[in-house]
Amino acid sequence: MKKALVLNYSQTGQLDEILDNFIAPFNEFSVERVKLKLKKEFPFPWENDVFFNEMAETVLEEEVEILPIEVKHDKYDLIIIGHAPWFLSPSRPTVSLLKDEKVKSLLKDTPVVTVIGSRNMWLHAQESVKRYVAEAGGQLVGNIVLYDRVTNLVSAFTILYWMQSGKKDRLYNIFPKPGISDEDIKGAGRFGKIVSDALAENSFIGLQEKILDLGLIKISTNIMFMELRAKVLFKMWANKIKSKSEDAKVRLRWVRLFKYYLLIALFVVSPILLLLYNIFGVPFTLKSIKSKKTYFYDLKLRA
């Protein structure tokens, strides 16, 4: 019987739900679930300052201490890695998972499928995950992305509400529920069936094309434009905050400055920039936009 290993960390439980539905079609295989545990768990719901204080180490991809990862076998026919981006980067638990020597040994010469549960910006986080998988000798054969399909400003507002209240409900009974829709979560098995069929056939050739053919994974031009520029700025902020870490009070002032910068950038600056971009940028860069999207849909790493 073919063996599949599922690895992930889920703070809110959303990614666990996605993966539960994703592997539902894997009935004929032996599926082992390993949910990463930390030595010191992150709080949920988050306190405001604690949440933004994680930005620097997250963007710089620093590990957190994790409990030993225990698995039943030394080799699997497929490894499924679930991850959720934090601050345009892999979450710190995901980084710790992928840097773990045991996990790296399991990934070597093994087909890997990544499953992302994201607000809407996942491109850079997946780039890092691709790099870690490649460095371990794994063979990335598929990438599935589930994301919040409401507009960027609404999703930013509702995700902050969820992270700081712990409630995944409709704020004031007006706003949509935060995060990925129940319909998309329950529908993750559509992707799982495609991957399950590939595992049964022992061939992952063309798997990503079949995943994309469902038409459920779309890269927004506006979101891509914002993410590609924001990542550079996030790294600058991360390095600055990290440099102030010797004095907790000074670091906290810089963390709060970043918080206000991010909120202003999201709700004030970005709508203006996107308006200008769509008028003066998009019509003249269609070829470049298409090329970038093709790359991010693909599984290859930049040379």
Protein backbone atom coordinates (compact mmCIF):
# COMPACT_ATOMS: atom_id res chain seq x y z
CA MET A 1 0.00 0.00 0.00
CA LYS A 2 1.30 3.43 -0.93
CA LYS A 3 2.16 5.73 1.94
CA ALA A 4 1.49 9.48 2.15
CA LEU A 5 2.69 11.79 4.90
CA VAL A 6 0.90 15.06 5.70
CA LEU A 7 2.87 17.72 7.57
CA ASN A 8 1.52 21.06 8.74
CA TYR A 9 1.12 23.61 11.50
CA SER A 10 -2.24 25.28 12.02
CA GLN A 11 -2.71 27.98 14.63
CA THR A 12 -6.39 28.66 13.97
CA GLY A 13 -7.43 25.22 12.75
CA GLN A 14 -8.31 26.46 9.26
CA LEU A 15 -5.41 24.68 7.57
CA ASP A 16 -6.26 21.48 9.44
CA GLU A 17 -9.79 21.66 7.99
CA ILE A 18 -8.43 22.22 4.50
CA LEU A 19 -6.11 19.22 4.74
CA ASP A 20 -8.82 17.01 6.24
CA ASN A 21 -10.94 17.64 3.16
CA PHE A 22 -7.97 17.48 0.79
CA ILE A 23 -6.98 13.95 1.85
CA ALA A 24 -10.53 12.61 1.99
CA PRO A 25 -10.11 10.92 -1.46
CA PHE A 26 -6.94 9.09 -0.28
CA ASN A 27 -8.96 6.12 1.02
CA GLU A 28 -6.88 3.44 -0.67
CA PHE A 29 -3.60 4.71 0.76
CA SER A 30 -1.96 4.76 4.16
CA VAL A 31 -2.11 8.44 5.18
CA GLU A 32 -0.16 9.64 8.19
CA ARG A 33 -0.97 13.06 9.68
CA VAL A 34 1.69 14.93 11.63
CA LYS A 35 0.62 18.24 13.13
CA LEU A 36 3.60 20.28 14.23
CA LYS A 37 3.70 21.28 17.90
CA LEU A 38 5.78 24.09 19.34
CA LYS A 39 7.62 24.10 22.65
CA LYS A 40 5.93 27.43 23.33
CA GLU A 41 2.74 27.96 21.37
CA PHE A 42 1.85 31.29 19.84
CA PRO A 43 -1.17 32.92 21.47
CA PHE A 44 -4.55 32.83 19.78
CA PRO A 45 -6.25 35.16 19.60
CA TRP A 46 -3.27 37.45 19.22
CA GLU A 47 -2.67 40.53 21.29
CA ASN A 48 -2.07 43.46 18.95
CA ASP A 49 1.58 44.16 19.83
CA VAL A 50 2.46 40.45 20.06
CA PHE A 51 1.12 39.82 16.56
CA PHE A 52 3.09 42.62 14.91
CA ASN A 53 6.17 41.82 17.01
CA GLU A 54 6.45 38.53 15.12
CA MET A 55 6.94 40.28 11.79
CA ALA A 56 10.72 40.71 11.90
CA GLU A 57 11.65 37.12 12.74
CA THR A 58 8.99 35.80 10.36
CA VAL A 59 10.23 37.84 7.39
CA LEU A 60 13.83 36.89 8.22
CA GLU A 61 12.68 33.24 8.33
CA GLU A 62 13.99 32.43 11.80
CA GLU A 63 12.91 29.16 13.40
CA VAL A 64 10.99 28.60 16.61
CA GLU A 65 11.59 25.65 18.91
CA ILE A 66 9.44 22.67 17.97
CA LEU A 67 8.73 19.35 19.62
CA PRO A 68 10.41 16.31 18.00
CA ILE A 69 8.70 15.15 14.84
CA GLU A 70 7.77 11.48 15.04
CA VAL A 71 6.79 9.45 11.98
CA LYS A 72 6.17 5.75 11.39
CA HIS A 73 8.35 5.27 8.32
CA ASP A 74 11.65 6.43 6.85
CA LYS A 75 10.29 6.73 3.32
CA TYR A 76 6.96 7.83 1.82
CA ASP A 77 5.54 7.76 -1.70
CA LEU A 78 4.23 11.31 -1.30
CA ILE A 79 4.65 14.11 1.24
CA ILE A 80 2.01 16.80 1.52
CA ILE A 81 3.09 20.03 3.21
CA GLY A 82 0.41 22.45 4.35
CA HIS A 83 1.43 26.00 5.12
CA ALA A 84 -0.07 29.42 5.79
CA PRO A 85 1.88 32.60 4.96
CA TRP A 86 2.59 35.14 7.69
CA PHE A 87 3.72 38.63 6.64
CA LEU A 88 4.32 37.48 3.03
CA SER A 89 6.64 34.71 4.31
CA PRO A 90 6.28 31.12 5.45
CA SER A 91 5.11 31.03 9.05
CA ARG A 92 7.90 30.51 11.55
CA PRO A 93 6.62 27.01 12.43
CA THR A 94 6.70 26.12 8.72
CA VAL A 95 10.29 27.34 8.47
CA SER A 96 11.19 25.25 11.53
CA LEU A 97 9.51 22.23 9.96
CA LEU A 98 11.39 22.56 6.68
CA LYS A 99 14.73 23.13 8.39
CA ASP A 100 14.30 20.08 10.63
CA GLU A 101 16.89 17.43 9.80
CA LYS A 102 14.40 14.57 10.11
CA VAL A 103 11.98 16.26 7.70
CA LYS A 104 14.79 17.05 5.27
CA SER A 105 15.79 13.39 5.20
CA LEU A 106 12.16 12.41 4.49
CA LEU A 107 11.89 14.95 1.66
CA LYS A 108 14.96 13.68 -0.17
CA ASP A 109 14.04 12.08 -3.50
CA THR A 110 10.33 12.20 -2.61
CA PRO A 111 7.42 13.79 -4.53
CA VAL A 112 6.03 16.76 -2.61
CA VAL A 113 2.71 18.60 -2.91
CA THR A 114 2.21 21.89 -1.11
CA VAL A 115 -1.22 23.07 0.08
CA ILE A 116 -1.50 26.74 0.99
CA GLY A 117 -4.20 28.38 3.09
CA SER A 118 -3.78 32.11 2.58
CA ARG A 119 -5.52 35.46 2.89
CA ASN A 120 -4.50 36.35 -0.67
CA MET A 121 -0.74 36.95 -0.80
CA TRP A 122 1.15 33.67 -1.07
CA LEU A 123 3.72 34.13 -3.86
CA HIS A 124 6.82 34.92 -1.80
CA ALA A 125 5.98 32.43 0.95
CA GLN A 126 5.76 29.68 -1.66
CA GLU A 127 9.06 30.79 -3.21
CA SER A 128 10.75 30.14 0.12
CA VAL A 129 9.01 26.80 0.59
CA LYS A 130 10.04 25.77 -2.92
CA ARG A 131 13.63 26.63 -2.04
CA TYR A 132 13.59 24.61 1.19
CA VAL A 133 12.10 21.58 -0.57
CA ALA A 134 14.69 21.80 -3.34
CA GLU A 135 17.56 22.16 -0.87
CA ALA A 136 16.40 19.01 0.89
CA GLY A 137 16.34 17.12 -2.40
CA GLY A 138 12.54 16.90 -2.59
CA GLN A 139 10.64 16.94 -5.89
CA LEU A 140 7.84 19.52 -5.86
CA VAL A 141 5.13 18.09 -8.14
CA GLY A 142 2.08 20.18 -7.24
CA ASN A 143 0.91 23.31 -5.48
CA ILE A 144 -2.66 24.00 -4.37
CA VAL A 145 -3.74 27.41 -3.09
CA LEU A 146 -6.92 28.24 -1.21
CA TYR A 147 -7.43 31.90 -0.41
CA ASP A 148 -9.94 34.50 0.70
CA ARG A 149 -11.80 35.58 -2.45
CA VAL A 150 -13.28 38.83 -1.14
CA THR A 151 -11.68 42.18 -2.00
CA ASN A 152 -8.28 42.97 -0.52
CA LEU A 153 -9.38 45.75 1.85
CA VAL A 154 -12.33 43.77 3.19
CA SER A 155 -10.22 40.65 3.73
CA ALA A 156 -7.49 42.69 5.47
CA PHE A 157 -10.08 44.12 7.86
CA THR A 158 -11.79 40.81 8.60
CA ILE A 159 -8.52 38.89 9.08
CA LEU A 160 -7.34 41.43 11.67
CA TYR A 161 -10.68 41.05 13.44
CA TRP A 162 -10.32 37.24 13.45
CA MET A 163 -6.69 37.22 14.61
CA GLN A 164 -7.38 39.60 17.49
CA SER A 165 -10.80 38.32 18.57
CA GLY A 166 -10.46 34.61 17.84
CA LYS A 167 -13.92 34.70 16.25
CA LYS A 168 -14.43 33.50 12.70
CA ASP A 169 -17.85 35.04 12.31
CA ARG A 170 -19.51 37.91 10.47
CA LEU A 171 -18.56 41.13 12.24
CA TYR A 172 -21.71 43.19 12.93
CA ASN A 173 -23.46 40.60 10.74
CA ILE A 174 -22.41 42.81 7.82
CA PHE A 175 -18.88 41.76 6.84
CA PRO A 176 -18.20 38.32 5.33
CA LYS A 177 -16.68 35.62 7.51
CA PRO A 178 -12.90 35.97 7.76
CA GLY A 179 -10.55 33.65 5.95
CA ILE A 180 -11.19 31.05 3.30
CA SER A 181 -14.84 30.35 2.56
CA ASP A 182 -16.50 27.21 3.93
CA GLU A 183 -17.32 26.23 0.35
CA ASP A 184 -13.66 26.32 -0.71
CA ILE A 185 -12.53 24.48 2.42
CA LYS A 186 -15.08 21.72 1.88
CA GLY A 187 -14.16 21.63 -1.80
CA ALA A 188 -10.45 20.97 -1.18
CA GLY A 189 -11.13 17.33 -1.97
CA ARG A 190 -11.45 18.27 -5.65
CA PHE A 191 -7.72 18.94 -5.62
CA GLY A 192 -7.09 15.91 -3.43
CA LYS A 193 -8.79 13.63 -5.96
CA ILE A 194 -6.41 14.79 -8.70
CA VAL A 195 -3.37 14.20 -6.49
CA SER A 196 -4.76 10.86 -5.29
CA ASP A 197 -5.19 9.68 -8.87
CA ALA A 198 -1.61 10.67 -9.68
CA LEU A 199 -0.34 8.75 -6.64
CA ALA A 200 -2.37 5.69 -7.66
CA GLU A 201 -0.87 5.84 -11.14
CA ASN A 202 2.59 6.44 -9.66
CA SER A 203 3.07 9.34 -12.07
CA PHE A 204 3.00 13.05 -11.23
CA ILE A 205 3.80 14.23 -14.75
CA GLY A 206 1.40 17.03 -15.68
CA LEU A 207 -0.10 17.14 -12.18
CA GLN A 208 0.21 20.91 -11.79
CA GLU A 209 -1.49 21.48 -15.13
CA LYS A 210 -4.42 19.32 -14.02
CA ILE A 211 -4.64 21.27 -10.76
CA LEU A 212 -4.71 24.58 -12.60
CA ASP A 213 -7.23 23.27 -15.13
CA LEU A 214 -9.88 23.32 -12.39
CA GLY A 215 -9.77 27.10 -12.75
CA LEU A 216 -9.90 27.67 -8.98
CA ILE A 217 -6.44 29.18 -8.52
CA LYS A 218 -6.14 32.69 -9.92
CA ILE A 219 -3.35 35.21 -9.40
CA SER A 220 -4.78 38.72 -9.22
CA THR A 221 -2.74 41.31 -11.13
CA ASN A 222 -3.39 43.90 -8.41
CA ILE A 223 -2.45 41.56 -5.57
CA MET A 224 0.71 40.46 -7.36
CA PHE A 225 1.68 44.11 -7.95
CA MET A 226 1.29 44.89 -4.24
CA GLU A 227 3.02 41.77 -2.96
CA LEU A 228 6.09 42.08 -5.16
CA ARG A 229 6.68 45.60 -3.86
CA ALA A 230 5.65 45.01 -0.26
CA LYS A 231 8.12 42.16 0.27
CA VAL A 232 11.08 44.49 -0.28
CA LEU A 233 9.66 46.98 2.21
CA PHE A 234 8.88 44.26 4.74
CA LYS A 235 12.52 43.13 4.66
CA MET A 236 13.68 46.67 5.31
CA TRP A 237 11.32 46.97 8.28
CA ALA A 238 12.32 43.51 9.56
CA ASN A 239 16.01 44.34 9.54
CA LYS A 240 15.37 47.68 11.24
CA ILE A 241 13.23 46.15 14.00
CA LYS A 242 15.72 43.32 14.49
CA SER A 243 18.55 45.84 14.90
CA LYS A 244 16.63 47.42 17.79
CA SER A 245 16.11 44.16 19.69
CA GLU A 246 18.64 44.84 22.44
CA ASP A 247 16.24 47.31 24.02
CA ALA A 248 12.70 45.91 24.30
CA LYS A 249 11.09 49.32 24.65
CA VAL A 250 12.87 50.72 21.61
CA ARG A 251 11.99 47.61 19.60
CA LEU A 252 8.33 47.96 20.61
CA ARG A 253 8.27 51.55 19.36
CA TRP A 254 9.54 50.38 15.97
CA VAL A 255 7.03 47.51 15.92
CA ARG A 256 4.21 49.98 16.50
CA LEU A 257 5.59 52.26 13.80
CA PHE A 258 5.45 49.30 11.41
CA LYS A 259 1.88 48.56 12.45
CA TYR A 260 0.76 52.11 11.67
CA TYR A 261 2.74 52.08 8.43
CA LEU A 262 1.06 48.83 7.36
CA LEU A 263 -2.44 50.04 8.16
CA ILE A 264 -1.90 53.31 6.29
CA ALA A 265 -0.32 51.46 3.36
CA LEU A 266 -3.22 48.99 3.20
CA PHE A 267 -6.18 51.29 3.60
CA VAL A 268 -4.92 54.64 2.26
CA VAL A 269 -1.90 54.32 -0.02
CA SER A 270 -2.58 51.03 -1.84
CA PRO A 271 -5.97 52.06 -3.33
CA ILE A 272 -4.34 55.15 -4.84
CA LEU A 273 -1.34 53.23 -6.15
CA LEU A 274 -3.56 50.56 -7.68
CA LEU A 275 -5.68 53.15 -9.44
CA LEU A 276 -2.56 54.71 -10.98
CA TYR A 277 -1.12 51.29 -11.80
CA ASN A 278 -4.26 50.18 -13.64
CA ILE A 279 -4.37 53.41 -15.65
CA PHE A 280 -0.69 53.93 -16.44
CA GLY A 281 0.96 50.57 -15.77
CA VAL A 282 -1.16 47.58 -16.71
CA PRO A 283 -1.88 48.55 -20.35
CA PHE A 284 1.86 48.82 -21.07
CA THR A 285 3.13 45.78 -19.17
CA LEU A 286 0.72 43.01 -20.16
CA LYS A 287 3.50 40.77 -21.47
CA SER A 288 5.52 41.14 -18.28
CA ILE A 289 2.43 40.51 -16.13
CA LYS A 290 1.65 37.32 -18.04
CA SER A 291 5.25 36.12 -17.72
CA LYS A 292 5.29 36.69 -13.94
CA LYS A 293 2.00 34.88 -13.46
CA THR A 294 3.20 31.94 -15.54
CA TYR A 295 6.24 31.67 -13.32
CA PHE A 296 4.30 31.77 -10.06
CA TYR A 297 1.75 29.22 -11.29
CA ASP A 298 4.68 26.94 -12.14
CA LEU A 299 6.79 24.90 -9.70
CA LYS A 300 10.27 25.89 -10.83
CA LEU A 301 12.62 28.00 -8.77
CA ARG A 302 14.31 31.05 -10.18
CA ALA A 303 17.83 30.26 -11.29
